[in-house]
Amino acid sequence: MNIVKITPDVAVSEQIVPEDVAALAAAGYKVLINNRPDGEAPGQPTSAEFAAAAAQHGMNYLYYPVNGMNFPGPDLEQLAGAFASARGPALAFCRSGTRSINLWLATRPEAEWPEAVRLARSLGYDLSMVGQR
């Protein structure tokens, strides 16, 4: 797993597997956000597999699949709530982490936007999905 901490309460990662969920829970993550549509790549684990692993390890799970055609998805308010969960730190994942950090940016309030963009750029992510405000 290549976990990139964005804030003390939010991290993003490239594709994980359900077997990684135990280590994520042990590391203190309480919310798992899957931003990858099922069937995007052959052999990719399904949302149902991640939901079961998250439940087994006491994590909340949100399936919020997006791609370039439907970004930023149907319910940014729900996604923002998952990133800001009172339960504890959240880990969002997709194929490379890029979609997930763009989604985190899309949920940032206007006042936080410049600093959030600076942070994401400093980590080397392509921010073209989220665009400019």
Foldseek 3Di string as FASTA:
>chain_A
DDWADLDQFEIEFAADALVCLLVVVVVPAAEEEEQAAPPPDPPRDHPVSNCVSNVVSNHHYHYFYDDLVQPPGDCLPVVLCRCVPPSTHYYYYYRGRQSVLLSVLLNDDPVCNVVSVVSCVVVPHDNPSNPDD
